[in-house]
Amino acid sequence: MEFDALRAARTRLCELRNIHQELSKTQQPDGTWDWFLVNEMRELSMAIINEKEKARLAGRTGLSTPLKRLVMPIVPLKFIESKGEAV
């Protein structure tokens, strides 16, 4: 999911929460009117969580990040390994 799609999903989730909150003021909490709102909110939440997890794991798989591209040329790997052995 791209950044714009993630932003749209978050915006839609906020809209659905507001709709649910407003309707819950006037409707009975019997589950007959809000089931589709709850299901869509759950699906959007899971999609957002999955995308966050993918982004978190992407840092572990060796994909380059701006910080890694900046730091790795400055600090040689040999220096990091030798410092680790001295500790």
PDB file of N, CA and C in Angstrom:
ATOM      1  N   MET A   1       0.856  -1.171   0.000  1.00  0.00           N
ATOM      2  CA  MET A   1       0.000   0.000   0.000  1.00  0.00           C
ATOM      3  C   MET A   1       0.900   1.231   0.000  1.00  0.00           C
ATOM      4  N   GLU A   2       0.647   2.137  -0.903  1.00  0.00           N
ATOM      5  CA  GLU A   2       1.436   3.350  -0.985  1.00  0.00           C
ATOM      6  C   GLU A   2       1.003   4.333   0.089  1.00  0.00           C
ATOM      7  N   PHE A   3       1.801   5.400   0.227  1.00  0.00           N
ATOM      8  CA  PHE A   3       1.531   6.388   1.265  1.00  0.00           C
ATOM      9  C   PHE A   3       0.162   7.029   1.086  1.00  0.00           C
ATOM     10  N   ASP A   4      -0.198   7.387  -0.160  1.00  0.00           N
ATOM     11  CA  ASP A   4      -1.497   8.019  -0.405  1.00  0.00           C
ATOM     12  C   ASP A   4      -2.642   7.066  -0.078  1.00  0.00           C
ATOM     13  N   ALA A   5      -2.476   5.801  -0.413  1.00  0.00           N
ATOM     14  CA  ALA A   5      -3.511   4.812  -0.113  1.00  0.00           C
ATOM     15  C   ALA A   5      -3.630   4.604   1.391  1.00  0.00           C
ATOM     16  N   LEU A   6      -2.489   4.617   2.081  1.00  0.00           N
ATOM     17  CA  LEU A   6      -2.511   4.479   3.539  1.00  0.00           C
ATOM     18  C   LEU A   6      -3.187   5.688   4.180  1.00  0.00           C
ATOM     19  N   ARG A   7      -2.901   6.857   3.663  1.00  0.00           N
ATOM     20  CA  ARG A   7      -3.551   8.070   4.174  1.00  0.00           C
ATOM     21  C   ARG A   7      -5.058   8.022   3.921  1.00  0.00           C
ATOM     22  N   ALA A   8      -5.454   7.556   2.746  1.00  0.00           N
ATOM     23  CA  ALA A   8      -6.874   7.446   2.426  1.00  0.00           C
ATOM     24  C   ALA A   8      -7.560   6.438   3.341  1.00  0.00           C
ATOM     25  N   ALA A   9      -6.874   5.332   3.647  1.00  0.00           N
ATOM     26  CA  ALA A   9      -7.450   4.324   4.546  1.00  0.00           C
ATOM     27  C   ALA A   9      -7.630   4.895   5.949  1.00  0.00           C
ATOM     28  N   ARG A  10      -6.656   5.647   6.416  1.00  0.00           N
ATOM     29  CA  ARG A  10      -6.781   6.273   7.744  1.00  0.00           C
ATOM     30  C   ARG A  10      -7.903   7.296   7.778  1.00  0.00           C
ATOM     31  N   THR A  11      -8.009   8.075   6.708  1.00  0.00           N
ATOM     32  CA  THR A  11      -9.082   9.074   6.627  1.00  0.00           C
ATOM     33  C   THR A  11     -10.444   8.393   6.623  1.00  0.00           C
ATOM     34  N   ARG A  12     -10.577   7.340   5.836  1.00  0.00           N
ATOM     35  CA  ARG A  12     -11.849   6.593   5.777  1.00  0.00           C
ATOM     36  C   ARG A  12     -12.186   5.979   7.126  1.00  0.00           C
ATOM     37  N   LEU A  13     -11.174   5.476   7.834  1.00  0.00           N
ATOM     38  CA  LEU A  13     -11.391   4.902   9.156  1.00  0.00           C
ATOM     39  C   LEU A  13     -11.910   5.962  10.133  1.00  0.00           C
ATOM     40  N   CYS A  14     -11.341   7.149  10.082  1.00  0.00           N
ATOM     41  CA  CYS A  14     -11.826   8.239  10.943  1.00  0.00           C
ATOM     42  C   CYS A  14     -13.257   8.627  10.593  1.00  0.00           C
ATOM     43  N   GLU A  15     -13.570   8.665   9.290  1.00  0.00           N
ATOM     44  CA  GLU A  15     -14.935   8.974   8.868  1.00  0.00           C
ATOM     45  C   GLU A  15     -15.917   7.931   9.387  1.00  0.00           C
ATOM     46  N   LEU A  16     -15.561   6.670   9.264  1.00  0.00           N
ATOM     47  CA  LEU A  16     -16.447   5.599   9.730  1.00  0.00           C
ATOM     48  C   LEU A  16     -16.636   5.647  11.240  1.00  0.00           C
ATOM     49  N   ARG A  17     -15.571   5.951  11.969  1.00  0.00           N
ATOM     50  CA  ARG A  17     -15.701   6.075  13.424  1.00  0.00           C
ATOM     51  C   ARG A  17     -16.646   7.214  13.800  1.00  0.00           C
ATOM     52  N   ASN A  18     -16.521   8.340  13.091  1.00  0.00           N
ATOM     53  CA  ASN A  18     -17.419   9.467  13.365  1.00  0.00           C
ATOM     54  C   ASN A  18     -18.866   9.123  13.039  1.00  0.00           C
ATOM     55  N   ILE A  19     -19.088   8.457  11.913  1.00  0.00           N
ATOM     56  CA  ILE A  19     -20.438   8.041  11.538  1.00  0.00           C
ATOM     57  C   ILE A  19     -20.999   7.095  12.590  1.00  0.00           C
ATOM     58  N   HIS A  20     -20.206   6.125  13.013  1.00  0.00           N
ATOM     59  CA  HIS A  20     -20.653   5.151  14.017  1.00  0.00           C
ATOM     60  C   HIS A  20     -20.979   5.846  15.332  1.00  0.00           C
ATOM     61  N   GLN A  21     -20.131   6.785  15.717  1.00  0.00           N
ATOM     62  CA  GLN A  21     -20.360   7.502  16.967  1.00  0.00           C
ATOM     63  C   GLN A  21     -21.646   8.329  16.918  1.00  0.00           C
ATOM     64  N   GLU A  22     -21.881   9.002  15.794  1.00  0.00           N
ATOM     65  CA  GLU A  22     -23.094   9.807  15.667  1.00  0.00           C
ATOM     66  C   GLU A  22     -24.347   8.933  15.629  1.00  0.00           C
ATOM     67  N   LEU A  23     -24.296   7.829  14.898  1.00  0.00           N
ATOM     68  CA  LEU A  23     -25.455   6.945  14.832  1.00  0.00           C
ATOM     69  C   LEU A  23     -25.721   6.241  16.159  1.00  0.00           C
ATOM     70  N   SER A  24     -24.678   5.970  16.906  1.00  0.00           N
ATOM     71  CA  SER A  24     -24.875   5.279  18.185  1.00  0.00           C
ATOM     72  C   SER A  24     -25.603   6.152  19.202  1.00  0.00           C
ATOM     73  N   LYS A  25     -25.659   7.441  18.967  1.00  0.00           N
ATOM     74  CA  LYS A  25     -26.399   8.339  19.860  1.00  0.00           C
ATOM     75  C   LYS A  25     -27.909   8.183  19.686  1.00  0.00           C
ATOM     76  N   THR A  26     -28.329   7.806  18.482  1.00  0.00           N
ATOM     77  CA  THR A  26     -29.767   7.725  18.206  1.00  0.00           C
ATOM     78  C   THR A  26     -30.276   6.300  18.017  1.00  0.00           C
ATOM     79  N   GLN A  27     -29.418   5.364  17.720  1.00  0.00           N
ATOM     80  CA  GLN A  27     -29.834   3.993  17.440  1.00  0.00           C
ATOM     81  C   GLN A  27     -29.616   3.088  18.653  1.00  0.00           C
ATOM     82  N   GLN A  28     -30.353   2.006  18.685  1.00  0.00           N
ATOM     83  CA  GLN A  28     -30.208   1.027  19.752  1.00  0.00           C
ATOM     84  C   GLN A  28     -28.954   0.178  19.509  1.00  0.00           C
ATOM     85  N   PRO A  29     -28.231  -0.173  20.557  1.00  0.00           N
ATOM     86  CA  PRO A  29     -27.011  -0.981  20.384  1.00  0.00           C
ATOM     87  C   PRO A  29     -27.315  -2.476  20.239  1.00  0.00           C
ATOM     88  N   ASP A  30     -28.100  -2.830  19.220  1.00  0.00           N
ATOM     89  CA  ASP A  30     -28.478  -4.232  19.039  1.00  0.00           C
ATOM     90  C   ASP A  30     -27.695  -4.921  17.931  1.00  0.00           C
ATOM     91  N   GLY A  31     -26.846  -4.190  17.220  1.00  0.00           N
ATOM     92  CA  GLY A  31     -26.013  -4.793  16.192  1.00  0.00           C
ATOM     93  C   GLY A  31     -26.676  -4.938  14.840  1.00  0.00           C
ATOM     94  N   THR A  32     -27.896  -4.455  14.678  1.00  0.00           N
ATOM     95  CA  THR A  32     -28.563  -4.598  13.390  1.00  0.00           C
ATOM     96  C   THR A  32     -28.233  -3.460  12.434  1.00  0.00           C
ATOM     97  N   TRP A  33     -27.823  -2.329  12.927  1.00  0.00           N
ATOM     98  CA  TRP A  33     -27.536  -1.191  12.063  1.00  0.00           C
ATOM     99  C   TRP A  33     -26.041  -0.928  11.880  1.00  0.00           C
ATOM    100  N   ASP A  34     -25.206  -1.420  12.755  1.00  0.00           N
ATOM    101  CA  ASP A  34     -23.797  -1.047  12.704  1.00  0.00           C
ATOM    102  C   ASP A  34     -22.864  -2.167  12.255  1.00  0.00           C
ATOM    103  N   TRP A  35     -23.394  -3.301  11.884  1.00  0.00           N
ATOM    104  CA  TRP A  35     -22.525  -4.430  11.565  1.00  0.00           C
ATOM    105  C   TRP A  35     -21.624  -4.139  10.380  1.00  0.00           C
ATOM    106  N   PHE A  36     -22.147  -3.441   9.361  1.00  0.00           N
ATOM    107  CA  PHE A  36     -21.321  -3.152   8.188  1.00  0.00           C
ATOM    108  C   PHE A  36     -20.259  -2.106   8.502  1.00  0.00           C
ATOM    109  N   LEU A  37     -20.589  -1.142   9.381  1.00  0.00           N
ATOM    110  CA  LEU A  37     -19.593  -0.156   9.794  1.00  0.00           C
ATOM    111  C   LEU A  37     -18.466  -0.813  10.588  1.00  0.00           C
ATOM    112  N   VAL A  38     -18.843  -1.681  11.507  1.00  0.00           N
ATOM    113  CA  VAL A  38     -17.853  -2.371  12.328  1.00  0.00           C
ATOM    114  C   VAL A  38     -16.963  -3.258  11.462  1.00  0.00           C
ATOM    115  N   ASN A  39     -17.557  -3.963  10.504  1.00  0.00           N
ATOM    116  CA  ASN A  39     -16.769  -4.832   9.628  1.00  0.00           C
ATOM    117  C   ASN A  39     -15.791  -4.028   8.772  1.00  0.00           C
ATOM    118  N   GLU A  40     -16.251  -2.920   8.223  1.00  0.00           N
ATOM    119  CA  GLU A  40     -15.358  -2.106   7.393  1.00  0.00           C
ATOM    120  C   GLU A  40     -14.256  -1.465   8.232  1.00  0.00           C
ATOM    121  N   MET A  41     -14.590  -1.024   9.448  1.00  0.00           N
ATOM    122  CA  MET A  41     -13.569  -0.459  10.332  1.00  0.00           C
ATOM    123  C   MET A  41     -12.529  -1.518  10.694  1.00  0.00           C
ATOM    124  N   ARG A  42     -12.987  -2.737  10.939  1.00  0.00           N
ATOM    125  CA  ARG A  42     -12.074  -3.824  11.283  1.00  0.00           C
ATOM    126  C   ARG A  42     -11.142  -4.142  10.104  1.00  0.00           C
ATOM    127  N   GLU A  43     -11.698  -4.211   8.895  1.00  0.00           N
ATOM    128  CA  GLU A  43     -10.891  -4.504   7.719  1.00  0.00           C
ATOM    129  C   GLU A  43      -9.853  -3.412   7.457  1.00  0.00           C
ATOM    130  N   LEU A  44     -10.271  -2.153   7.585  1.00  0.00           N
ATOM    131  CA  LEU A  44      -9.326  -1.062   7.376  1.00  0.00           C
ATOM    132  C   LEU A  44      -8.231  -1.061   8.438  1.00  0.00           C
ATOM    133  N   SER A  45      -8.610  -1.327   9.671  1.00  0.00           N
ATOM    134  CA  SER A  45      -7.617  -1.383  10.751  1.00  0.00           C
ATOM    135  C   SER A  45      -6.605  -2.486  10.501  1.00  0.00           C
ATOM    136  N   MET A  46      -7.078  -3.647  10.071  1.00  0.00           N
ATOM    137  CA  MET A  46      -6.172  -4.759   9.794  1.00  0.00           C
ATOM    138  C   MET A  46      -5.246  -4.436   8.608  1.00  0.00           C
ATOM    139  N   ALA A  47      -5.774  -3.761   7.597  1.00  0.00           N
ATOM    140  CA  ALA A  47      -4.947  -3.384   6.445  1.00  0.00           C
ATOM    141  C   ALA A  47      -3.858  -2.398   6.871  1.00  0.00           C
ATOM    142  N   ILE A  48      -4.207  -1.450   7.711  1.00  0.00           N
ATOM    143  CA  ILE A  48      -3.223  -0.476   8.189  1.00  0.00           C
ATOM    144  C   ILE A  48      -2.169  -1.166   9.039  1.00  0.00           C
ATOM    145  N   ILE A  49      -2.596  -2.057   9.927  1.00  0.00           N
ATOM    146  CA  ILE A  49      -1.652  -2.789  10.781  1.00  0.00           C
ATOM    147  C   ILE A  49      -0.719  -3.647   9.933  1.00  0.00           C
ATOM    148  N   ASN A  50      -1.261  -4.315   8.919  1.00  0.00           N
ATOM    149  CA  ASN A  50      -0.432  -5.160   8.043  1.00  0.00           C
ATOM    150  C   ASN A  50       0.601  -4.332   7.289  1.00  0.00           C
ATOM    151  N   GLU A  51       0.209  -3.150   6.820  1.00  0.00           N
ATOM    152  CA  GLU A  51       1.156  -2.295   6.109  1.00  0.00           C
ATOM    153  C   GLU A  51       2.243  -1.773   7.035  1.00  0.00           C
ATOM    154  N   LYS A  52       1.879  -1.449   8.269  1.00  0.00           N
ATOM    155  CA  LYS A  52       2.886  -1.017   9.239  1.00  0.00           C
ATOM    156  C   LYS A  52       3.859  -2.155   9.531  1.00  0.00           C
ATOM    157  N   GLU A  53       3.335  -3.370   9.637  1.00  0.00           N
ATOM    158  CA  GLU A  53       4.184  -4.527   9.901  1.00  0.00           C
ATOM    159  C   GLU A  53       5.129  -4.784   8.719  1.00  0.00           C
ATOM    160  N   LYS A  54       4.614  -4.648   7.497  1.00  0.00           N
ATOM    161  CA  LYS A  54       5.463  -4.816   6.323  1.00  0.00           C
ATOM    162  C   LYS A  54       6.577  -3.772   6.312  1.00  0.00           C
ATOM    163  N   ALA A  55       6.246  -2.543   6.642  1.00  0.00           N
ATOM    164  CA  ALA A  55       7.254  -1.479   6.666  1.00  0.00           C
ATOM    165  C   ALA A  55       8.282  -1.740   7.755  1.00  0.00           C
ATOM    166  N   ARG A  56       7.848  -2.248   8.890  1.00  0.00           N
ATOM    167  CA  ARG A  56       8.769  -2.535   9.985  1.00  0.00           C
ATOM    168  C   ARG A  56       9.710  -3.666   9.600  1.00  0.00           C
ATOM    169  N   LEU A  57       9.168  -4.701   8.976  1.00  0.00           N
ATOM    170  CA  LEU A  57       9.984  -5.837   8.581  1.00  0.00           C
ATOM    171  C   LEU A  57      10.899  -5.527   7.403  1.00  0.00           C
ATOM    172  N   ALA A  58      10.530  -4.555   6.596  1.00  0.00           N
ATOM    173  CA  ALA A  58      11.370  -4.194   5.456  1.00  0.00           C
ATOM    174  C   ALA A  58      12.726  -3.702   5.929  1.00  0.00           C
ATOM    175  N   GLY A  59      12.798  -3.084   7.086  1.00  0.00           N
ATOM    176  CA  GLY A  59      14.068  -2.639   7.624  1.00  0.00           C
ATOM    177  C   GLY A  59      14.961  -3.791   8.018  1.00  0.00           C
ATOM    178  N   ARG A  60      14.396  -4.943   8.331  1.00  0.00           N
ATOM    179  CA  ARG A  60      15.176  -6.110   8.733  1.00  0.00           C
ATOM    180  C   ARG A  60      15.645  -6.956   7.561  1.00  0.00           C
ATOM    181  N   THR A  61      15.058  -6.780   6.417  1.00  0.00           N
ATOM    182  CA  THR A  61      15.376  -7.641   5.287  1.00  0.00           C
ATOM    183  C   THR A  61      16.529  -7.121   4.455  1.00  0.00           C
ATOM    184  N   GLY A  62      17.149  -6.056   4.878  1.00  0.00           N
ATOM    185  CA  GLY A  62      18.287  -5.537   4.150  1.00  0.00           C
ATOM    186  C   GLY A  62      17.928  -4.488   3.126  1.00  0.00           C
ATOM    187  N   LEU A  63      16.673  -4.115   3.046  1.00  0.00           N
ATOM    188  CA  LEU A  63      16.318  -3.037   2.144  1.00  0.00           C
ATOM    189  C   LEU A  63      16.908  -1.750   2.681  1.00  0.00           C
ATOM    190  N   SER A  64      17.429  -0.971   1.798  1.00  0.00           N
ATOM    191  CA  SER A  64      18.134   0.230   2.202  1.00  0.00           C
ATOM    192  C   SER A  64      17.167   1.307   2.693  1.00  0.00           C
ATOM    193  N   THR A  65      17.530   1.947   3.762  1.00  0.00           N
ATOM    194  CA  THR A  65      16.762   3.072   4.284  1.00  0.00           C
ATOM    195  C   THR A  65      17.628   4.311   4.170  1.00  0.00           C
ATOM    196  N   PRO A  66      17.041   5.496   4.173  1.00  0.00           N
ATOM    197  CA  PRO A  66      17.860   6.707   4.069  1.00  0.00           C
ATOM    198  C   PRO A  66      18.913   6.808   5.173  1.00  0.00           C
ATOM    199  N   LEU A  67      18.561   6.426   6.395  1.00  0.00           N
ATOM    200  CA  LEU A  67      19.528   6.490   7.486  1.00  0.00           C
ATOM    201  C   LEU A  67      20.665   5.497   7.270  1.00  0.00           C
ATOM    202  N   LYS A  68      20.336   4.285   6.827  1.00  0.00           N
ATOM    203  CA  LYS A  68      21.372   3.273   6.589  1.00  0.00           C
ATOM    204  C   LYS A  68      22.299   3.729   5.465  1.00  0.00           C
ATOM    205  N   ARG A  69      21.753   4.327   4.415  1.00  0.00           N
ATOM    206  CA  ARG A  69      22.590   4.811   3.311  1.00  0.00           C
ATOM    207  C   ARG A  69      23.501   5.926   3.780  1.00  0.00           C
ATOM    208  N   LEU A  70      23.073   6.699   4.760  1.00  0.00           N
ATOM    209  CA  LEU A  70      23.891   7.790   5.271  1.00  0.00           C
ATOM    210  C   LEU A  70      24.975   7.290   6.211  1.00  0.00           C
ATOM    211  N   VAL A  71      24.659   6.350   7.094  1.00  0.00           N
ATOM    212  CA  VAL A  71      25.574   5.921   8.136  1.00  0.00           C
ATOM    213  C   VAL A  71      26.606   4.918   7.640  1.00  0.00           C
ATOM    214  N   MET A  72      26.241   3.985   6.789  1.00  0.00           N
ATOM    215  CA  MET A  72      27.146   2.909   6.411  1.00  0.00           C
ATOM    216  C   MET A  72      28.419   3.391   5.721  1.00  0.00           C
ATOM    217  N   PRO A  73      28.381   4.385   4.835  1.00  0.00           N
ATOM    218  CA  PRO A  73      29.650   4.844   4.266  1.00  0.00           C
ATOM    219  C   PRO A  73      30.544   5.548   5.294  1.00  0.00           C
ATOM    220  N   ILE A  74      29.961   6.114   6.339  1.00  0.00           N
ATOM    221  CA  ILE A  74      30.734   6.845   7.338  1.00  0.00           C
ATOM    222  C   ILE A  74      31.405   5.885   8.317  1.00  0.00           C
ATOM    223  N   VAL A  75      30.687   4.884   8.785  1.00  0.00           N
ATOM    224  CA  VAL A  75      31.212   3.937   9.767  1.00  0.00           C
ATOM    225  C   VAL A  75      31.489   2.613   9.060  1.00  0.00           C
ATOM    226  N   PRO A  76      32.763   2.281   8.827  1.00  0.00           N
ATOM    227  CA  PRO A  76      33.077   1.015   8.144  1.00  0.00           C
ATOM    228  C   PRO A  76      32.676  -0.184   8.992  1.00  0.00           C
ATOM    229  N   LEU A  77      32.331  -1.272   8.330  1.00  0.00           N
ATOM    230  CA  LEU A  77      31.900  -2.485   9.010  1.00  0.00           C
ATOM    231  C   LEU A  77      33.023  -3.063   9.870  1.00  0.00           C
ATOM    232  N   LYS A  78      34.273  -2.974   9.418  1.00  0.00           N
ATOM    233  CA  LYS A  78      35.402  -3.497  10.191  1.00  0.00           C
ATOM    234  C   LYS A  78      35.505  -2.802  11.544  1.00  0.00           C
ATOM    235  N   PHE A  79      35.249  -1.501  11.568  1.00  0.00           N
ATOM    236  CA  PHE A  79      35.320  -0.755  12.824  1.00  0.00           C
ATOM    237  C   PHE A  79      34.240  -1.231  13.786  1.00  0.00           C
ATOM    238  N   ILE A  80      33.054  -1.491  13.288  1.00  0.00           N
ATOM    239  CA  ILE A  80      31.947  -1.955  14.131  1.00  0.00           C
ATOM    240  C   ILE A  80      32.264  -3.321  14.688  1.00  0.00           C
ATOM    241  N   GLU A  81      32.811  -4.239  13.858  1.00  0.00           N
ATOM    242  CA  GLU A  81      33.135  -5.582  14.322  1.00  0.00           C
ATOM    243  C   GLU A  81      34.255  -5.574  15.350  1.00  0.00           C
ATOM    244  N   SER A  82      35.306  -4.777  15.124  1.00  0.00           N
ATOM    245  CA  SER A  82      36.418  -4.753  16.061  1.00  0.00           C
ATOM    246  C   SER A  82      36.002  -4.112  17.379  1.00  0.00           C
ATOM    247  N   LYS A  83      35.153  -3.151  17.345  1.00  0.00           N
ATOM    248  CA  LYS A  83      34.661  -2.539  18.569  1.00  0.00           C
ATOM    249  C   LYS A  83      33.812  -3.529  19.344  1.00  0.00           C
ATOM    250  N   GLY A  84      33.023  -4.363  18.647  1.00  0.00           N
ATOM    251  CA  GLY A  84      32.197  -5.367  19.312  1.00  0.00           C
ATOM    252  C   GLY A  84      33.043  -6.418  19.991  1.00  0.00           C
ATOM    253  N   GLU A  85      34.171  -6.779  19.428  1.00  0.00           N
ATOM    254  CA  GLU A  85      35.042  -7.791  20.038  1.00  0.00           C
ATOM    255  C   GLU A  85      35.733  -7.258  21.278  1.00  0.00           C
ATOM    256  N   ALA A  86      36.018  -5.957  21.307  1.00  0.00           N
ATOM    257  CA  ALA A  86      36.732  -5.382  22.437  1.00  0.00           C
ATOM    258  C   ALA A  86      35.859  -5.256  23.665  1.00  0.00           C
ATOM    259  N   VAL A  87      34.570  -5.245  23.473  1.00  0.00           N
ATOM    260  CA  VAL A  87      33.652  -5.048  24.608  1.00  0.00           C
ATOM    261  C   VAL A  87      33.515  -6.249  25.441  1.00  0.00           C
TER     262      VAL A  87
END
